[in-house]
Amino acid sequence: MTDTKREAPASPEKRAAALEIVLRRKADMPKNFVAEFTEHADDAWITANGAQMVARAWTDPRISRAHAC
């Protein structure tokens, strides 16, 4: 058997920062996107309306176009 040591996964903060860097490079993400998105999420994404958000993501063509791969 081979003894392979794996590094511990990065913290969520480090993973989020790495993802932000990649998105800025690849997707031409606006500089203030993360701050604006975080503010929007804090205002609109409360647990009470989570089911509505999921339903809208599946049915709203604007959202599905925005997330098309």
PDB file of N, CA and C in Angstrom:
ATOM      1  N   MET A   1       0.826  -1.170   0.000  1.00  0.00           N
ATOM      2  CA  MET A   1       0.000   0.000   0.000  1.00  0.00           C
ATOM      3  C   MET A   1       0.877   1.242   0.000  1.00  0.00           C
ATOM      4  N   THR A   2       0.436   2.237  -0.735  1.00  0.00           N
ATOM      5  CA  THR A   2       1.198   3.482  -0.736  1.00  0.00           C
ATOM      6  C   THR A   2       0.642   4.417   0.323  1.00  0.00           C
ATOM      7  N   ASP A   3       1.539   5.090   0.949  1.00  0.00           N
ATOM      8  CA  ASP A   3       1.161   6.041   1.982  1.00  0.00           C
ATOM      9  C   ASP A   3       1.138   7.430   1.356  1.00  0.00           C
ATOM     10  N   THR A   4      -0.037   7.910   1.021  1.00  0.00           N
ATOM     11  CA  THR A   4      -0.150   9.240   0.433  1.00  0.00           C
ATOM     12  C   THR A   4      -0.737  10.188   1.456  1.00  0.00           C
ATOM     13  N   LYS A   5      -0.031  11.264   1.667  1.00  0.00           N
ATOM     14  CA  LYS A   5      -0.501  12.269   2.605  1.00  0.00           C
ATOM     15  C   LYS A   5      -1.208  13.362   1.829  1.00  0.00           C
ATOM     16  N   ARG A   6      -2.365  13.718   2.309  1.00  0.00           N
ATOM     17  CA  ARG A   6      -3.129  14.769   1.665  1.00  0.00           C
ATOM     18  C   ARG A   6      -3.141  16.000   2.547  1.00  0.00           C
ATOM     19  N   GLU A   7      -3.101  17.141   1.879  1.00  0.00           N
ATOM     20  CA  GLU A   7      -3.197  18.387   2.625  1.00  0.00           C
ATOM     21  C   GLU A   7      -4.636  18.573   3.109  1.00  0.00           C
ATOM     22  N   ALA A   8      -4.763  19.217   4.222  1.00  0.00           N
ATOM     23  CA  ALA A   8      -6.099  19.536   4.723  1.00  0.00           C
ATOM     24  C   ALA A   8      -6.756  20.508   3.753  1.00  0.00           C
ATOM     25  N   PRO A   9      -8.062  20.402   3.576  1.00  0.00           N
ATOM     26  CA  PRO A   9      -8.730  21.334   2.663  1.00  0.00           C
ATOM     27  C   PRO A   9      -8.583  22.770   3.157  1.00  0.00           C
ATOM     28  N   ALA A  10      -8.567  23.680   2.208  1.00  0.00           N
ATOM     29  CA  ALA A  10      -8.456  25.093   2.564  1.00  0.00           C
ATOM     30  C   ALA A  10      -9.720  25.536   3.295  1.00  0.00           C
ATOM     31  N   SER A  11      -9.592  26.584   4.050  1.00  0.00           N
ATOM     32  CA  SER A  11     -10.751  27.126   4.771  1.00  0.00           C
ATOM     33  C   SER A  11     -11.760  27.670   3.760  1.00  0.00           C
ATOM     34  N   PRO A  12     -13.010  27.779   4.161  1.00  0.00           N
ATOM     35  CA  PRO A  12     -14.010  28.347   3.242  1.00  0.00           C
ATOM     36  C   PRO A  12     -13.620  29.747   2.748  1.00  0.00           C
ATOM     37  N   GLU A  13     -13.011  30.535   3.595  1.00  0.00           N
ATOM     38  CA  GLU A  13     -12.600  31.878   3.200  1.00  0.00           C
ATOM     39  C   GLU A  13     -11.543  31.829   2.107  1.00  0.00           C
ATOM     40  N   LYS A  14     -10.581  30.914   2.242  1.00  0.00           N
ATOM     41  CA  LYS A  14      -9.528  30.792   1.231  1.00  0.00           C
ATOM     42  C   LYS A  14     -10.083  30.251  -0.075  1.00  0.00           C
ATOM     43  N   ARG A  15     -11.021  29.301   0.020  1.00  0.00           N
ATOM     44  CA  ARG A  15     -11.631  28.762  -1.195  1.00  0.00           C
ATOM     45  C   ARG A  15     -12.455  29.832  -1.898  1.00  0.00           C
ATOM     46  N   ALA A  16     -13.180  30.640  -1.134  1.00  0.00           N
ATOM     47  CA  ALA A  16     -13.981  31.712  -1.724  1.00  0.00           C
ATOM     48  C   ALA A  16     -13.076  32.743  -2.399  1.00  0.00           C
ATOM     49  N   ALA A  17     -11.968  33.069  -1.766  1.00  0.00           N
ATOM     50  CA  ALA A  17     -11.033  34.031  -2.357  1.00  0.00           C
ATOM     51  C   ALA A  17     -10.437  33.484  -3.654  1.00  0.00           C
ATOM     52  N   ALA A  18     -10.100  32.210  -3.675  1.00  0.00           N
ATOM     53  CA  ALA A  18      -9.555  31.598  -4.887  1.00  0.00           C
ATOM     54  C   ALA A  18     -10.593  31.594  -6.009  1.00  0.00           C
ATOM     55  N   LEU A  19     -11.825  31.284  -5.667  1.00  0.00           N
ATOM     56  CA  LEU A  19     -12.901  31.282  -6.656  1.00  0.00           C
ATOM     57  C   LEU A  19     -13.114  32.687  -7.212  1.00  0.00           C
ATOM     58  N   GLU A  20     -13.061  33.677  -6.353  1.00  0.00           N
ATOM     59  CA  GLU A  20     -13.224  35.063  -6.801  1.00  0.00           C
ATOM     60  C   GLU A  20     -12.122  35.443  -7.778  1.00  0.00           C
ATOM     61  N   ILE A  21     -10.899  35.039  -7.511  1.00  0.00           N
ATOM     62  CA  ILE A  21      -9.784  35.335  -8.415  1.00  0.00           C
ATOM     63  C   ILE A  21     -10.018  34.715  -9.786  1.00  0.00           C
ATOM     64  N   VAL A  22     -10.419  33.453  -9.798  1.00  0.00           N
ATOM     65  CA  VAL A  22     -10.668  32.770 -11.076  1.00  0.00           C
ATOM     66  C   VAL A  22     -11.800  33.442 -11.836  1.00  0.00           C
ATOM     67  N   LEU A  23     -12.893  33.765 -11.131  1.00  0.00           N
ATOM     68  CA  LEU A  23     -14.019  34.415 -11.793  1.00  0.00           C
ATOM     69  C   LEU A  23     -13.632  35.775 -12.354  1.00  0.00           C
ATOM     70  N   ARG A  24     -12.828  36.513 -11.641  1.00  0.00           N
ATOM     71  CA  ARG A  24     -12.381  37.818 -12.151  1.00  0.00           C
ATOM     72  C   ARG A  24     -11.558  37.644 -13.425  1.00  0.00           C
ATOM     73  N   ARG A  25     -10.723  36.640 -13.461  1.00  0.00           N
ATOM     74  CA  ARG A  25      -9.866  36.423 -14.637  1.00  0.00           C
ATOM     75  C   ARG A  25     -10.639  35.862 -15.820  1.00  0.00           C
ATOM     76  N   LYS A  26     -11.488  34.877 -15.575  1.00  0.00           N
ATOM     77  CA  LYS A  26     -12.149  34.157 -16.656  1.00  0.00           C
ATOM     78  C   LYS A  26     -13.477  34.776 -17.089  1.00  0.00           C
ATOM     79  N   ALA A  27     -14.217  35.317 -16.165  1.00  0.00           N
ATOM     80  CA  ALA A  27     -15.568  35.776 -16.479  1.00  0.00           C
ATOM     81  C   ALA A  27     -15.677  37.295 -16.552  1.00  0.00           C
ATOM     82  N   ASP A  28     -14.577  37.987 -16.439  1.00  0.00           N
ATOM     83  CA  ASP A  28     -14.590  39.448 -16.484  1.00  0.00           C
ATOM     84  C   ASP A  28     -15.601  40.004 -15.486  1.00  0.00           C
ATOM     85  N   MET A  29     -15.511  39.485 -14.267  1.00  0.00           N
ATOM     86  CA  MET A  29     -16.435  39.856 -13.200  1.00  0.00           C
ATOM     87  C   MET A  29     -16.130  41.282 -12.732  1.00  0.00           C
ATOM     88  N   PRO A  30     -17.157  42.138 -12.623  1.00  0.00           N
ATOM     89  CA  PRO A  30     -16.920  43.501 -12.145  1.00  0.00           C
ATOM     90  C   PRO A  30     -16.289  43.506 -10.755  1.00  0.00           C
ATOM     91  N   LYS A  31     -15.508  44.514 -10.491  1.00  0.00           N
ATOM     92  CA  LYS A  31     -14.765  44.586  -9.238  1.00  0.00           C
ATOM     93  C   LYS A  31     -15.678  44.588  -8.006  1.00  0.00           C
ATOM     94  N   ASN A  32     -16.827  45.229  -8.084  1.00  0.00           N
ATOM     95  CA  ASN A  32     -17.708  45.339  -6.927  1.00  0.00           C
ATOM     96  C   ASN A  32     -18.767  44.238  -6.891  1.00  0.00           C
ATOM     97  N   PHE A  33     -18.672  43.247  -7.738  1.00  0.00           N
ATOM     98  CA  PHE A  33     -19.685  42.195  -7.821  1.00  0.00           C
ATOM     99  C   PHE A  33     -19.866  41.463  -6.498  1.00  0.00           C
ATOM    100  N   VAL A  34     -18.803  41.058  -5.868  1.00  0.00           N
ATOM    101  CA  VAL A  34     -18.904  40.267  -4.642  1.00  0.00           C
ATOM    102  C   VAL A  34     -19.583  41.069  -3.536  1.00  0.00           C
ATOM    103  N   ALA A  35     -19.209  42.313  -3.375  1.00  0.00           N
ATOM    104  CA  ALA A  35     -19.820  43.146  -2.327  1.00  0.00           C
ATOM    105  C   ALA A  35     -21.304  43.360  -2.605  1.00  0.00           C
ATOM    106  N   GLU A  36     -21.653  43.650  -3.864  1.00  0.00           N
ATOM    107  CA  GLU A  36     -23.062  43.864  -4.207  1.00  0.00           C
ATOM    108  C   GLU A  36     -23.866  42.572  -4.068  1.00  0.00           C
ATOM    109  N   PHE A  37     -23.281  41.466  -4.499  1.00  0.00           N
ATOM    110  CA  PHE A  37     -23.976  40.187  -4.401  1.00  0.00           C
ATOM    111  C   PHE A  37     -24.188  39.799  -2.939  1.00  0.00           C
ATOM    112  N   THR A  38     -23.197  40.013  -2.115  1.00  0.00           N
ATOM    113  CA  THR A  38     -23.306  39.700  -0.692  1.00  0.00           C
ATOM    114  C   THR A  38     -24.406  40.543  -0.050  1.00  0.00           C
ATOM    115  N   GLU A  39     -24.441  41.819  -0.404  1.00  0.00           N
ATOM    116  CA  GLU A  39     -25.487  42.691   0.142  1.00  0.00           C
ATOM    117  C   GLU A  39     -26.870  42.222  -0.315  1.00  0.00           C
ATOM    118  N   HIS A  40     -26.981  41.880  -1.579  1.00  0.00           N
ATOM    119  CA  HIS A  40     -28.256  41.376  -2.105  1.00  0.00           C
ATOM    120  C   HIS A  40     -28.651  40.075  -1.387  1.00  0.00           C
ATOM    121  N   ALA A  41     -27.698  39.182  -1.218  1.00  0.00           N
ATOM    122  CA  ALA A  41     -27.986  37.904  -0.560  1.00  0.00           C
ATOM    123  C   ALA A  41     -28.430  38.123   0.875  1.00  0.00           C
ATOM    124  N   ASP A  42     -27.797  39.029   1.558  1.00  0.00           N
ATOM    125  CA  ASP A  42     -28.185  39.317   2.944  1.00  0.00           C
ATOM    126  C   ASP A  42     -29.609  39.862   3.015  1.00  0.00           C
ATOM    127  N   ASP A  43     -29.991  40.668   2.025  1.00  0.00           N
ATOM    128  CA  ASP A  43     -31.321  41.272   2.022  1.00  0.00           C
ATOM    129  C   ASP A  43     -32.408  40.308   1.550  1.00  0.00           C
ATOM    130  N   ALA A  44     -32.124  39.538   0.506  1.00  0.00           N
ATOM    131  CA  ALA A  44     -33.175  38.776  -0.163  1.00  0.00           C
ATOM    132  C   ALA A  44     -33.185  37.294   0.161  1.00  0.00           C
ATOM    133  N   TRP A  45     -32.063  36.742   0.551  1.00  0.00           N
ATOM    134  CA  TRP A  45     -31.975  35.294   0.682  1.00  0.00           C
ATOM    135  C   TRP A  45     -32.125  34.845   2.124  1.00  0.00           C
ATOM    136  N   ILE A  46     -33.274  35.030   2.648  1.00  0.00           N
ATOM    137  CA  ILE A  46     -33.529  34.555   3.999  1.00  0.00           C
ATOM    138  C   ILE A  46     -34.141  33.166   3.912  1.00  0.00           C
ATOM    139  N   THR A  47     -34.033  32.406   4.942  1.00  0.00           N
ATOM    140  CA  THR A  47     -34.516  31.027   4.958  1.00  0.00           C
ATOM    141  C   THR A  47     -35.992  30.941   4.609  1.00  0.00           C
ATOM    142  N   ALA A  48     -36.755  31.913   5.033  1.00  0.00           N
ATOM    143  CA  ALA A  48     -38.193  31.860   4.823  1.00  0.00           C
ATOM    144  C   ALA A  48     -38.588  31.852   3.352  1.00  0.00           C
ATOM    145  N   ASN A  49     -37.781  32.447   2.484  1.00  0.00           N
ATOM    146  CA  ASN A  49     -38.157  32.455   1.081  1.00  0.00           C
ATOM    147  C   ASN A  49     -37.245  31.580   0.218  1.00  0.00           C
ATOM    148  N   GLY A  50     -36.565  30.662   0.824  1.00  0.00           N
ATOM    149  CA  GLY A  50     -35.654  29.777   0.082  1.00  0.00           C
ATOM    150  C   GLY A  50     -36.356  28.940  -0.970  1.00  0.00           C
ATOM    151  N   ALA A  51     -37.516  28.394  -0.652  1.00  0.00           N
ATOM    152  CA  ALA A  51     -38.252  27.569  -1.624  1.00  0.00           C
ATOM    153  C   ALA A  51     -38.684  28.407  -2.814  1.00  0.00           C
ATOM    154  N   GLN A  52     -39.086  29.632  -2.574  1.00  0.00           N
ATOM    155  CA  GLN A  52     -39.472  30.514  -3.680  1.00  0.00           C
ATOM    156  C   GLN A  52     -38.285  30.796  -4.592  1.00  0.00           C
ATOM    157  N   MET A  53     -37.108  30.986  -4.003  1.00  0.00           N
ATOM    158  CA  MET A  53     -35.916  31.254  -4.809  1.00  0.00           C
ATOM    159  C   MET A  53     -35.570  30.064  -5.687  1.00  0.00           C
ATOM    160  N   VAL A  54     -35.660  28.867  -5.144  1.00  0.00           N
ATOM    161  CA  VAL A  54     -35.361  27.665  -5.930  1.00  0.00           C
ATOM    162  C   VAL A  54     -36.366  27.523  -7.065  1.00  0.00           C
ATOM    163  N   ALA A  55     -37.634  27.735  -6.769  1.00  0.00           N
ATOM    164  CA  ALA A  55     -38.662  27.636  -7.807  1.00  0.00           C
ATOM    165  C   ALA A  55     -38.426  28.668  -8.900  1.00  0.00           C
ATOM    166  N   ARG A  56     -38.077  29.864  -8.530  1.00  0.00           N
ATOM    167  CA  ARG A  56     -37.811  30.907  -9.514  1.00  0.00           C
ATOM    168  C   ARG A  56     -36.594  30.558 -10.358  1.00  0.00           C
ATOM    169  N   ALA A  57     -35.581  30.004  -9.746  1.00  0.00           N
ATOM    170  CA  ALA A  57     -34.379  29.629 -10.498  1.00  0.00           C
ATOM    171  C   ALA A  57     -34.705  28.601 -11.574  1.00  0.00           C
ATOM    172  N   TRP A  58     -35.664  27.731 -11.308  1.00  0.00           N
ATOM    173  CA  TRP A  58     -36.046  26.698 -12.275  1.00  0.00           C
ATOM    174  C   TRP A  58     -36.976  27.228 -13.350  1.00  0.00           C
ATOM    175  N   THR A  59     -37.767  28.246 -13.026  1.00  0.00           N
ATOM    176  CA  THR A  59     -38.810  28.666 -13.962  1.00  0.00           C
ATOM    177  C   THR A  59     -38.572  30.010 -14.627  1.00  0.00           C
ATOM    178  N   ASP A  60     -37.798  30.883 -14.059  1.00  0.00           N
ATOM    179  CA  ASP A  60     -37.577  32.217 -14.625  1.00  0.00           C
ATOM    180  C   ASP A  60     -36.540  32.148 -15.745  1.00  0.00           C
ATOM    181  N   PRO A  61     -36.916  32.463 -16.987  1.00  0.00           N
ATOM    182  CA  PRO A  61     -35.969  32.358 -18.102  1.00  0.00           C
ATOM    183  C   PRO A  61     -34.765  33.287 -17.956  1.00  0.00           C
ATOM    184  N   ARG A  62     -34.950  34.423 -17.280  1.00  0.00           N
ATOM    185  CA  ARG A  62     -33.804  35.331 -17.096  1.00  0.00           C
ATOM    186  C   ARG A  62     -32.729  34.681 -16.232  1.00  0.00           C
ATOM    187  N   ILE A  63     -33.154  33.978 -15.215  1.00  0.00           N
ATOM    188  CA  ILE A  63     -32.191  33.315 -14.334  1.00  0.00           C
ATOM    189  C   ILE A  63     -31.555  32.133 -15.032  1.00  0.00           C
ATOM    190  N   SER A  64     -32.342  31.334 -15.729  1.00  0.00           N
ATOM    191  CA  SER A  64     -31.773  30.156 -16.398  1.00  0.00           C
ATOM    192  C   SER A  64     -30.804  30.580 -17.491  1.00  0.00           C
ATOM    193  N   ARG A  65     -31.080  31.692 -18.193  1.00  0.00           N
ATOM    194  CA  ARG A  65     -30.126  32.186 -19.203  1.00  0.00           C
ATOM    195  C   ARG A  65     -28.838  32.660 -18.547  1.00  0.00           C
ATOM    196  N   ALA A  66     -28.961  33.296 -17.396  1.00  0.00           N
ATOM    197  CA  ALA A  66     -27.784  33.821 -16.701  1.00  0.00           C
ATOM    198  C   ALA A  66     -26.870  32.711 -16.233  1.00  0.00           C
ATOM    199  N   HIS A  67     -27.423  31.530 -15.967  1.00  0.00           N
ATOM    200  CA  HIS A  67     -26.634  30.427 -15.447  1.00  0.00           C
ATOM    201  C   HIS A  67     -26.418  29.321 -16.454  1.00  0.00           C
ATOM    202  N   ALA A  68     -26.713  29.582 -17.711  1.00  0.00           N
ATOM    203  CA  ALA A  68     -26.523  28.548 -18.753  1.00  0.00           C
ATOM    204  C   ALA A  68     -25.038  28.281 -18.920  1.00  0.00           C
ATOM    205  N   CYS A  69     -24.690  27.021 -19.039  1.00  0.00           N
ATOM    206  CA  CYS A  69     -23.286  26.645 -19.180  1.00  0.00           C
ATOM    207  C   CYS A  69     -22.914  26.492 -20.635  1.00  0.00           C
TER     208      CYS A  69
END
